[in-house]
Amino acid sequence: MNMYVGNLNTARNVDIFDLKLFEQKDAISVIGLGYVGAVSLACLSSLGHRVIGADIDARKVDTIAVGQSPIVEDRLGDLLTEGVSSDLLSATTDVKRAVMDTDITFVSVGTPTSENGGCDTRAIETVARSIGEALREKDNFHVVVLRCSVPPGTTLEVMLPEIEMVSGKIAGTDFGICFNPEFLREGTAVADFHAPPKTVIGVTDPRTAGIIAKLYAPVDASPIVTTVEVAELVKYVDNVWHATKVCFGNEIGRLCKPLGIDSHAVMDIFVKDTKLNLSPYYLKPGFAFGGSCLPKEVRAVSHLAEQLGVDLPMIDALIPSNREQVDQAVTLVRTTSAKKVAILGVAFKPGTDDLRESPVLDLIADLMQEGIEVTAFDPAIRPGPHIAQQFDYMRHAAPHLKAVVDALPRILKATPDAAIANADTIVVSQNQPAIRSALAARKKEAAVVDLVRMPATARASANYIGIGW
């Protein structure tokens, strides 16, 4: 195969990569309407594609079908409303029909950590069989794009065989297969889609490379085309590096604190070197990392290394180091002798209502276990069907936090002022305007445990404690 791997702008195989050779594929199905799927669906429709979202969760489908967002994500609701209003966007629970009626299928289903620490690919296998059933009845060349975070080999050794077996067709000849990792940050996912840091297209045939490159041309004219396995591992490497940066910054903070050295002064100088140190993002002491990606990807890479018999002591140490930051926060609260503690910020980061692997929930669990009365506030978390679904998911995915999740409806307050009203200690895990305003109005004797480095005015207090400074 005359296959080019690299940047399309530098390709010399014009006979293969001349995008004019490929018919415009304007109908796209997106299977799995979680964070990545919902954002992809809305953004692709905003580029003028006819899109069909598919999910087994009827509540998500019904919400999206009327142009409403099932999650808290900046600009997502507007794009969904526009897509529905322009008759470009629809949603269904019929996965097979969605594939039948489109030319390209994006797969963005959940890949949680399995019991042995690896990646649970059962959802991918189920979807692959549905795709195979649809392709068996189709004659045109259809492209299947996997976007989930998976170990190298999953696309070609798990998903592809299922599609080929059920459809009776051959990848590269009858249909295309692609791994296209997403680099969307929750809270800024729509902006990231339209201005991606990079676009990686992992393929086995040039026709599929051309089709997907043409699809992304409006937002990235220079996609990186590579092998499927490289594309799969790039996603893990990106997230493990982000996890590494968080732990590294926090360990510097823990080193600086007993020395009486301002860790942020140290790190402000460190991140000036953008040539060698790459980026300042994440490289500040603060609280533990969490969310749907970093913890899962770190565990997956450790599991992969174990399978290969490779020793990766630093990566293996990331989860324990991250847990140490939760323990550090508990210790700081304990030093205040508080009986009532208010937590400002519950999701794993500002601008999202995602509770998956939020370290704040572990912090609350530890405080409750010590008999401390906890109240909390998060600007993005409001009562409703979606947050109820998150609570249900958390009870299943994190059984050790069941007591915390069950208590959240009682713990969560409607305003930050209500959360801190009777608190002896206020723990700040998000730096947001509503939270900063509430701190200014707190009772004078209340201690503040800062996990995010609030502005200098908030730190000017005898009862203020920073986690790493």
Protein backbone atom coordinates (compact mmCIF):
# COMPACT_ATOMS: atom_id res chain seq x y z
CA MET A 1 0.00 0.00 0.00
CA ASN A 2 1.31 3.42 -0.92
CA MET A 3 0.52 4.86 2.51
CA TYR A 4 1.73 8.26 3.66
CA VAL A 5 2.17 8.88 7.36
CA GLY A 6 2.69 12.48 8.39
CA ASN A 7 1.20 15.90 7.81
CA LEU A 8 -1.09 16.30 4.81
CA ASN A 9 0.51 19.62 3.92
CA THR A 10 3.84 17.85 3.35
CA ALA A 11 2.44 14.89 1.41
CA ARG A 12 3.86 14.31 -2.05
CA ASN A 13 1.57 11.40 -2.97
CA VAL A 14 -0.93 13.68 -4.66
CA ASP A 15 -2.62 10.76 -6.41
CA ILE A 16 -3.59 9.39 -3.00
CA PHE A 17 -4.28 12.53 -1.00
CA ASP A 18 -5.89 14.87 -3.54
CA LEU A 19 -9.05 15.52 -1.57
CA LYS A 20 -10.97 16.40 -4.72
CA LEU A 21 -10.97 12.71 -5.57
CA PHE A 22 -13.23 11.93 -2.67
CA GLU A 23 -16.94 12.54 -2.58
CA GLN A 24 -18.08 14.87 0.17
CA LYS A 25 -19.46 12.79 3.06
CA ASP A 26 -21.96 15.13 4.63
CA ALA A 27 -24.06 12.69 6.67
CA ILE A 28 -22.56 11.70 10.03
CA SER A 29 -23.84 9.52 12.86
CA VAL A 30 -22.46 9.91 16.38
CA ILE A 31 -22.96 6.88 18.63
CA GLY A 32 -22.73 7.68 22.33
CA LEU A 33 -24.04 11.07 23.47
CA GLY A 34 -21.89 11.70 26.51
CA TYR A 35 -19.51 14.67 26.72
CA VAL A 36 -17.47 13.88 23.60
CA GLY A 37 -20.41 12.60 21.57
CA ALA A 38 -22.75 15.50 22.36
CA VAL A 39 -20.06 18.08 21.59
CA SER A 40 -19.04 16.32 18.36
CA LEU A 41 -22.67 16.09 17.26
CA ALA A 42 -23.35 19.79 17.82
CA CYS A 43 -20.07 21.02 16.35
CA LEU A 44 -20.31 18.85 13.22
CA SER A 45 -23.81 20.17 12.59
CA SER A 46 -22.48 23.73 13.00
CA LEU A 47 -20.09 22.94 10.13
CA GLY A 48 -23.08 22.17 7.91
CA HIS A 49 -23.17 18.39 8.18
CA ARG A 50 -26.40 16.47 8.58
CA VAL A 51 -25.88 14.58 11.83
CA ILE A 52 -27.75 11.86 13.73
CA GLY A 53 -26.97 11.20 17.38
CA ALA A 54 -27.61 7.73 18.75
CA ASP A 55 -27.64 6.47 22.31
CA ILE A 56 -29.38 3.72 24.29
CA ASP A 57 -30.32 6.31 26.93
CA ALA A 58 -33.72 7.59 25.81
CA ARG A 59 -33.52 10.58 28.16
CA LYS A 60 -30.35 11.85 26.49
CA VAL A 61 -31.85 11.27 23.06
CA ASP A 62 -35.07 13.10 23.94
CA THR A 63 -33.15 16.03 25.41
CA ILE A 64 -30.87 16.44 22.39
CA ALA A 65 -33.73 15.88 19.92
CA VAL A 66 -35.40 19.07 21.11
CA GLY A 67 -32.16 21.04 20.95
CA GLN A 68 -31.28 21.03 24.64
CA SER A 69 -27.94 20.09 26.17
CA PRO A 70 -27.84 17.08 28.51
CA ILE A 71 -24.69 18.45 30.17
CA VAL A 72 -23.23 21.74 31.36
CA GLU A 73 -20.86 22.87 28.60
CA ASP A 74 -20.28 26.37 27.27
CA ARG A 75 -22.12 27.11 23.96
CA LEU A 76 -23.25 23.49 23.55
CA GLY A 77 -26.94 24.22 24.12
CA ASP A 78 -26.92 27.01 21.52
CA LEU A 79 -25.33 24.78 18.88
CA LEU A 80 -27.77 21.95 19.56
CA THR A 81 -30.72 24.34 19.29
CA GLU A 82 -29.37 25.75 16.01
CA GLY A 83 -28.79 22.25 14.63
CA VAL A 84 -32.33 21.11 15.39
CA SER A 85 -33.86 24.36 14.12
CA SER A 86 -32.01 24.04 10.80
CA ASP A 87 -33.08 20.38 10.39
CA LEU A 88 -29.44 19.28 10.39
CA LEU A 89 -29.48 17.52 13.77
CA SER A 90 -31.60 14.67 15.06
CA ALA A 91 -31.27 11.91 17.66
CA THR A 92 -32.45 8.32 17.99
CA THR A 93 -32.10 5.18 20.08
CA ASP A 94 -31.86 3.10 16.88
CA VAL A 95 -28.09 2.73 16.38
CA LYS A 96 -28.41 0.55 13.27
CA ARG A 97 -30.73 3.03 11.56
CA ALA A 98 -28.40 5.92 12.37
CA VAL A 99 -25.54 4.10 10.64
CA MET A 100 -27.73 3.11 7.69
CA ASP A 101 -28.72 6.72 7.08
CA THR A 102 -25.21 8.22 7.17
CA ASP A 103 -21.81 7.98 5.51
CA ILE A 104 -19.47 8.34 8.49
CA THR A 105 -19.99 7.01 12.02
CA PHE A 106 -18.23 8.41 15.08
CA VAL A 107 -18.13 6.08 18.09
CA SER A 108 -17.84 7.83 21.46
CA VAL A 109 -19.10 5.31 23.99
CA GLY A 110 -17.82 4.82 27.52
CA THR A 111 -14.61 2.86 28.18
CA PRO A 112 -14.41 2.70 31.99
CA THR A 113 -11.71 0.97 33.97
CA SER A 114 -12.33 -2.78 34.17
CA GLU A 115 -12.02 -4.82 37.38
CA ASN A 116 -8.43 -5.80 36.55
CA GLY A 117 -7.38 -2.17 35.99
CA GLY A 118 -7.50 -2.31 32.21
CA CYS A 119 -9.98 -0.87 29.76
CA ASP A 120 -13.56 -2.16 29.58
CA THR A 121 -14.32 -2.42 25.84
CA ARG A 122 -17.73 -4.11 26.07
CA ALA A 123 -19.60 -1.02 24.89
CA ILE A 124 -17.32 -0.77 21.86
CA GLU A 125 -17.93 -4.43 21.00
CA THR A 126 -21.70 -3.98 21.27
CA VAL A 127 -21.70 -0.91 19.04
CA ALA A 128 -19.36 -2.61 16.55
CA ARG A 129 -21.88 -5.42 16.11
CA SER A 130 -24.68 -2.91 15.45
CA ILE A 131 -22.48 -1.14 12.91
CA GLY A 132 -21.72 -4.47 11.26
CA GLU A 133 -25.43 -5.22 10.93
CA ALA A 134 -25.97 -1.89 9.19
CA LEU A 135 -22.99 -2.25 6.87
CA ARG A 136 -24.17 -5.68 5.82
CA GLU A 137 -27.13 -3.94 4.18
CA LYS A 138 -25.16 -1.03 2.67
CA ASP A 139 -23.33 -0.82 -0.64
CA ASN A 140 -21.51 2.50 -0.32
CA PHE A 141 -18.13 2.95 1.35
CA HIS A 142 -18.78 3.82 5.00
CA VAL A 143 -16.15 5.15 7.43
CA VAL A 144 -16.16 4.10 11.10
CA VAL A 145 -14.27 6.44 13.44
CA LEU A 146 -13.45 5.40 17.02
CA ARG A 147 -12.92 8.35 19.39
CA CYS A 148 -12.84 6.59 22.79
CA SER A 149 -9.69 6.41 24.88
CA VAL A 150 -8.46 2.83 24.39
CA PRO A 151 -5.23 0.82 24.63
CA PRO A 152 -3.25 0.38 21.41
CA GLY A 153 -4.70 -2.46 19.36
CA THR A 154 -8.33 -1.95 20.40
CA THR A 155 -9.50 -0.43 17.10
CA LEU A 156 -7.98 -3.15 14.90
CA GLU A 157 -8.17 -6.11 17.27
CA VAL A 158 -11.48 -5.51 19.08
CA MET A 159 -13.73 -3.24 17.03
CA LEU A 160 -12.68 -4.11 13.48
CA PRO A 161 -13.07 -7.93 13.78
CA GLU A 162 -16.60 -7.51 15.17
CA ILE A 163 -17.61 -5.26 12.27
CA GLU A 164 -16.07 -7.55 9.67
CA MET A 165 -17.58 -10.70 11.17
CA VAL A 166 -21.13 -9.31 11.36
CA SER A 167 -21.05 -7.36 8.08
CA GLY A 168 -19.16 -9.91 6.01
CA LYS A 169 -17.13 -7.02 4.59
CA ILE A 170 -13.44 -6.13 4.56
CA ALA A 171 -11.92 -3.02 6.11
CA GLY A 172 -10.04 -0.85 3.64
CA THR A 173 -12.00 -2.26 0.74
CA ASP A 174 -15.68 -2.16 1.68
CA PHE A 175 -15.49 0.26 4.59
CA GLY A 176 -12.95 2.49 6.29
CA ILE A 177 -11.64 2.26 9.83
CA CYS A 178 -10.11 5.16 11.73
CA PHE A 179 -8.98 6.13 15.21
CA ASN A 180 -9.39 9.86 15.77
CA PRO A 181 -8.55 10.88 19.36
CA GLU A 182 -10.27 13.93 20.79
CA PHE A 183 -8.45 16.65 22.68
CA LEU A 184 -11.45 18.44 24.16
CA ARG A 185 -11.27 20.01 27.59
CA GLU A 186 -14.52 19.96 29.51
CA GLY A 187 -15.74 23.52 29.95
CA THR A 188 -14.09 24.67 26.70
CA ALA A 189 -14.91 21.69 24.50
CA VAL A 190 -16.78 23.62 21.78
CA ALA A 191 -13.97 26.14 21.43
CA ASP A 192 -11.42 23.30 21.35
CA PHE A 193 -13.32 21.54 18.57
CA HIS A 194 -13.22 24.63 16.38
CA ALA A 195 -9.59 25.44 17.23
CA PRO A 196 -7.95 22.08 18.01
CA PRO A 197 -4.40 21.86 19.36
CA LYS A 198 -3.89 19.09 16.80
CA THR A 199 -5.97 16.73 14.70
CA VAL A 200 -4.74 13.13 14.64
CA ILE A 201 -6.11 10.67 12.09
CA GLY A 202 -5.09 7.04 12.56
CA VAL A 203 -5.96 4.93 9.49
CA THR A 204 -5.09 1.80 7.53
CA ASP A 205 -6.02 3.06 4.05
CA PRO A 206 -5.55 6.36 2.18
CA ARG A 207 -9.18 6.68 1.11
CA THR A 208 -10.32 6.88 4.73
CA ALA A 209 -7.52 9.36 5.48
CA GLY A 210 -8.77 11.64 2.73
CA ILE A 211 -12.39 11.47 3.80
CA ILE A 212 -11.69 12.33 7.44
CA ALA A 213 -9.12 15.00 6.54
CA LYS A 214 -11.70 16.67 4.30
CA LEU A 215 -14.25 16.56 7.10
CA TYR A 216 -11.88 18.40 9.46
CA ALA A 217 -10.58 20.87 6.83
CA PRO A 218 -12.78 23.77 8.06
CA VAL A 219 -11.18 23.65 11.54
CA ASP A 220 -7.72 22.22 10.76
CA ALA A 221 -6.15 22.27 7.32
CA SER A 222 -3.08 20.38 8.53
CA PRO A 223 -4.16 17.15 10.22
CA ILE A 224 -1.58 14.57 11.26
CA VAL A 225 -2.12 11.25 9.49
CA THR A 226 -0.57 8.23 11.16
CA THR A 227 -1.17 4.58 11.99
CA VAL A 228 -4.11 3.53 14.11
CA GLU A 229 -1.88 2.26 16.94
CA VAL A 230 0.12 5.50 17.14
CA ALA A 231 -3.08 7.53 17.24
CA GLU A 232 -4.44 5.34 20.03
CA LEU A 233 -1.31 5.71 22.15
CA VAL A 234 -1.04 9.47 21.53
CA LYS A 235 -4.30 9.96 23.41
CA TYR A 236 -3.02 8.02 26.41
CA VAL A 237 0.34 9.78 26.31
CA ASP A 238 -1.33 13.20 26.23
CA ASN A 239 -3.49 12.45 29.25
CA VAL A 240 -0.74 10.71 31.22
CA TRP A 241 1.47 13.75 30.59
CA HIS A 242 -1.26 16.06 31.83
CA ALA A 243 -1.64 13.86 34.92
CA THR A 244 2.12 13.92 35.38
CA LYS A 245 2.18 17.73 35.26
CA VAL A 246 -0.50 17.99 37.95
CA CYS A 247 1.36 15.63 40.30
CA PHE A 248 4.72 17.26 39.57
CA GLY A 249 3.41 20.73 40.43
CA ASN A 250 1.79 19.45 43.61
CA GLU A 251 4.94 17.66 44.75
CA ILE A 252 6.90 20.90 44.28
CA GLY A 253 4.30 22.59 46.47
CA ARG A 254 4.68 19.94 49.18
CA LEU A 255 8.47 20.40 49.03
CA CYS A 256 8.30 24.20 49.23
CA LYS A 257 5.81 24.51 52.07
CA PRO A 258 7.96 23.22 54.98
CA LEU A 259 10.92 25.22 53.62
CA GLY A 260 8.91 28.42 53.77
CA ILE A 261 9.44 28.97 50.04
CA ASP A 262 6.66 30.34 47.86
CA SER A 263 6.00 27.46 45.46
CA HIS A 264 4.22 29.71 42.97
CA ALA A 265 7.20 32.05 42.82
CA VAL A 266 9.31 29.00 41.99
CA MET A 267 6.88 27.66 39.38
CA ASP A 268 6.27 31.09 37.83
CA ILE A 269 9.95 31.09 36.89
CA PHE A 270 9.94 27.42 35.87
CA VAL A 271 7.13 27.85 33.34
CA LYS A 272 8.85 30.80 31.63
CA ASP A 273 10.83 28.17 29.73
CA THR A 274 8.34 27.26 27.01
CA LYS A 275 11.09 25.86 24.81
CA LEU A 276 12.08 23.00 27.15
CA ASN A 277 9.31 22.80 29.71
CA LEU A 278 6.64 22.84 27.00
CA SER A 279 3.68 24.49 28.69
CA PRO A 280 2.56 26.15 31.91
CA TYR A 281 -0.79 24.34 31.77
CA TYR A 282 -1.30 22.19 34.89
CA LEU A 283 2.13 23.10 36.24
CA LYS A 284 0.98 24.88 39.36
CA PRO A 285 0.53 23.37 42.81
CA GLY A 286 -3.12 22.84 43.63
CA PHE A 287 -5.57 20.03 44.27
CA ALA A 288 -5.66 16.49 42.92
CA PHE A 289 -6.54 15.69 39.33
CA GLY A 290 -9.80 13.93 38.49
CA GLY A 291 -12.42 13.63 35.78
CA SER A 292 -13.24 11.07 33.15
CA CYS A 293 -9.79 10.95 31.50
CA LEU A 294 -6.69 11.40 33.63
CA PRO A 295 -7.22 8.79 36.38
CA LYS A 296 -8.53 6.20 33.92
CA GLU A 297 -5.71 6.74 31.42
CA VAL A 298 -3.01 6.56 34.10
CA ARG A 299 -4.43 3.25 35.34
CA ALA A 300 -4.67 1.96 31.78
CA VAL A 301 -1.03 2.79 30.96
CA SER A 302 0.14 1.15 34.21
CA HIS A 303 -1.92 -1.93 33.34
CA LEU A 304 -0.50 -1.99 29.82
CA ALA A 305 3.06 -1.75 31.13
CA GLU A 306 2.40 -4.58 33.59
CA GLN A 307 1.14 -6.76 30.77
CA LEU A 308 4.28 -5.99 28.78
CA GLY A 309 6.58 -6.55 31.76
CA VAL A 310 7.80 -2.94 31.62
CA ASP A 311 8.63 -1.04 34.82
CA LEU A 312 7.22 2.54 34.86
CA PRO A 313 7.77 3.69 38.45
CA MET A 314 6.87 7.35 37.91
CA ILE A 315 3.59 6.61 36.14
CA ASP A 316 2.78 3.92 38.72
CA ALA A 317 3.33 6.56 41.40
CA LEU A 318 0.90 9.11 39.92
CA ILE A 319 -2.30 7.76 41.50
CA PRO A 320 -0.72 7.40 44.98
CA SER A 321 0.79 10.89 44.64
CA ASN A 322 -2.58 12.24 43.59
CA ARG A 323 -4.24 10.57 46.57
CA GLU A 324 -1.58 12.15 48.80
CA GLN A 325 -2.90 15.56 47.73
CA VAL A 326 -6.38 14.59 49.00
CA ASP A 327 -4.81 13.42 52.26
CA GLN A 328 -2.93 16.72 52.45
CA ALA A 329 -6.20 18.64 52.15
CA VAL A 330 -7.75 16.52 54.91
CA THR A 331 -4.74 17.19 57.12
CA LEU A 332 -5.01 20.94 56.58
CA VAL A 333 -8.71 20.91 57.46
CA ARG A 334 -7.92 18.83 60.53
CA THR A 335 -5.43 21.48 61.73
CA THR A 336 -8.28 24.02 61.87
CA SER A 337 -10.22 21.83 64.35
CA ALA A 338 -13.38 22.52 62.37
CA LYS A 339 -16.67 20.82 63.21
CA LYS A 340 -18.50 22.31 60.21
CA VAL A 341 -16.80 22.57 56.81
CA ALA A 342 -18.06 24.17 53.59
CA ILE A 343 -16.70 22.94 50.25
CA LEU A 344 -16.85 25.48 47.39
CA GLY A 345 -16.58 23.49 44.15
CA VAL A 346 -17.57 19.83 43.86
CA ALA A 347 -17.05 18.86 40.20
CA PHE A 348 -13.52 17.88 39.22
CA LYS A 349 -12.95 21.28 37.55
CA PRO A 350 -14.78 24.62 37.06
CA GLY A 351 -17.28 25.02 34.23
CA THR A 352 -18.56 21.44 34.24
CA ASP A 353 -20.98 19.38 36.31
CA ASP A 354 -18.95 16.20 35.81
CA LEU A 355 -18.53 14.32 39.09
CA ARG A 356 -16.61 11.37 37.65
CA GLU A 357 -13.56 10.71 39.83
CA SER A 358 -13.77 14.17 41.36
CA PRO A 359 -11.19 14.21 44.16
CA VAL A 360 -13.51 16.57 46.06
CA LEU A 361 -15.85 13.63 46.66
CA ASP A 362 -13.00 11.70 48.29
CA LEU A 363 -12.23 14.74 50.42
CA ILE A 364 -15.88 14.97 51.52
CA ALA A 365 -15.93 11.23 52.28
CA ASP A 366 -12.87 11.53 54.54
CA LEU A 367 -14.27 14.56 56.36
CA MET A 368 -17.64 12.88 56.92
CA GLN A 369 -15.88 9.79 58.24
CA GLU A 370 -14.24 11.98 60.87
CA GLY A 371 -17.66 13.19 61.97
CA ILE A 372 -17.37 16.64 60.38
CA GLU A 373 -20.58 18.24 59.14
CA VAL A 374 -20.15 19.16 55.46
CA THR A 375 -22.02 21.59 53.22
CA ALA A 376 -21.11 22.38 49.61
CA PHE A 377 -21.78 24.57 46.59
CA ASP A 378 -20.92 24.27 42.89
CA PRO A 379 -22.09 26.86 40.32
CA ALA A 380 -22.55 24.21 37.61
CA ILE A 381 -24.48 21.61 39.62
CA ARG A 382 -28.23 22.05 39.70
CA PRO A 383 -31.05 19.60 40.47
CA GLY A 384 -32.50 17.79 37.46
CA PRO A 385 -32.52 14.56 35.42
CA HIS A 386 -28.90 14.87 34.28
CA ILE A 387 -27.42 15.28 37.75
CA ALA A 388 -29.64 12.44 38.96
CA GLN A 389 -28.12 10.28 36.22
CA GLN A 390 -24.65 11.30 37.41
CA PHE A 391 -25.54 10.32 40.95
CA ASP A 392 -26.75 6.93 39.69
CA TYR A 393 -23.56 6.47 37.67
CA MET A 394 -21.35 7.40 40.63
CA ARG A 395 -23.09 4.89 42.90
CA HIS A 396 -22.25 2.18 40.35
CA ALA A 397 -18.78 3.35 39.30
CA ALA A 398 -17.50 4.38 42.75
CA PRO A 399 -19.23 2.23 45.38
CA HIS A 400 -16.80 3.45 48.06
CA LEU A 401 -18.36 6.90 47.63
CA LYS A 402 -21.99 5.76 47.83
CA ALA A 403 -22.57 7.42 51.20
CA VAL A 404 -21.26 10.73 49.85
CA VAL A 405 -23.33 10.55 46.67
CA ASP A 406 -26.45 9.69 48.67
CA ALA A 407 -25.78 12.69 50.91
CA LEU A 408 -25.08 15.19 48.10
CA PRO A 409 -28.72 16.32 47.63
CA ARG A 410 -28.69 17.34 51.29
CA ILE A 411 -25.12 18.69 51.33
CA LEU A 412 -25.37 20.82 48.18
CA LYS A 413 -26.73 24.33 48.75
CA ALA A 414 -28.29 26.68 46.22
CA THR A 415 -25.87 29.55 46.91
CA PRO A 416 -22.30 29.83 48.21
CA ASP A 417 -23.53 32.09 51.01
CA ALA A 418 -25.88 29.34 52.21
CA ALA A 419 -23.05 26.81 52.10
CA ILE A 420 -20.62 28.87 54.22
CA ALA A 421 -23.15 30.44 56.62
CA ASN A 422 -22.26 28.31 59.64
CA ALA A 423 -18.90 26.90 58.52
CA ASP A 424 -15.86 26.93 60.77
CA THR A 425 -13.63 26.20 57.77
CA ILE A 426 -14.17 26.89 54.07
CA VAL A 427 -12.39 24.68 51.53
CA VAL A 428 -12.00 26.34 48.12
CA SER A 429 -11.54 23.94 45.20
CA GLN A 430 -12.60 26.27 42.36
CA ASN A 431 -11.59 29.84 41.59
CA GLN A 432 -14.81 31.42 40.32
CA PRO A 433 -16.41 34.88 40.76
CA ALA A 434 -19.33 33.63 42.88
CA ILE A 435 -16.93 31.82 45.18
CA ARG A 436 -14.59 34.79 45.51
CA SER A 437 -17.53 37.04 46.39
CA ALA A 438 -18.75 34.60 49.03
CA LEU A 439 -15.31 34.46 50.64
CA ALA A 440 -15.26 38.23 50.99
CA ALA A 441 -18.49 38.01 53.02
CA ARG A 442 -17.50 35.08 55.25
CA LYS A 443 -17.48 35.36 59.00
CA LYS A 444 -14.14 36.72 60.18
CA GLU A 445 -13.18 33.73 62.32
CA ALA A 446 -13.75 31.15 59.57
CA ALA A 447 -10.57 29.49 58.31
CA VAL A 448 -9.92 29.14 54.57
CA VAL A 449 -8.17 26.11 53.10
CA ASP A 450 -7.23 27.09 49.56
CA LEU A 451 -6.69 24.31 47.01
CA VAL A 452 -6.54 26.56 43.93
CA ARG A 453 -4.47 29.66 44.82
CA MET A 454 -7.08 32.36 45.22
CA PRO A 455 -6.18 36.03 44.54
CA ALA A 456 -3.96 37.85 47.02
CA THR A 457 -6.91 39.60 48.69
CA ALA A 458 -8.39 36.26 49.73
CA ARG A 459 -5.03 35.10 51.05
CA ALA A 460 -4.60 38.15 53.30
CA SER A 461 -5.96 36.48 56.44
CA ALA A 462 -4.51 34.97 59.57
CA ASN A 463 -6.86 32.01 59.13
CA TYR A 464 -5.81 31.29 55.55
CA ILE A 465 -3.96 28.05 54.60
CA GLY A 466 -2.71 27.19 51.11
CA ILE A 467 -2.24 23.56 50.19
CA GLY A 468 1.20 24.05 48.64
CA TRP A 469 2.20 27.63 49.37
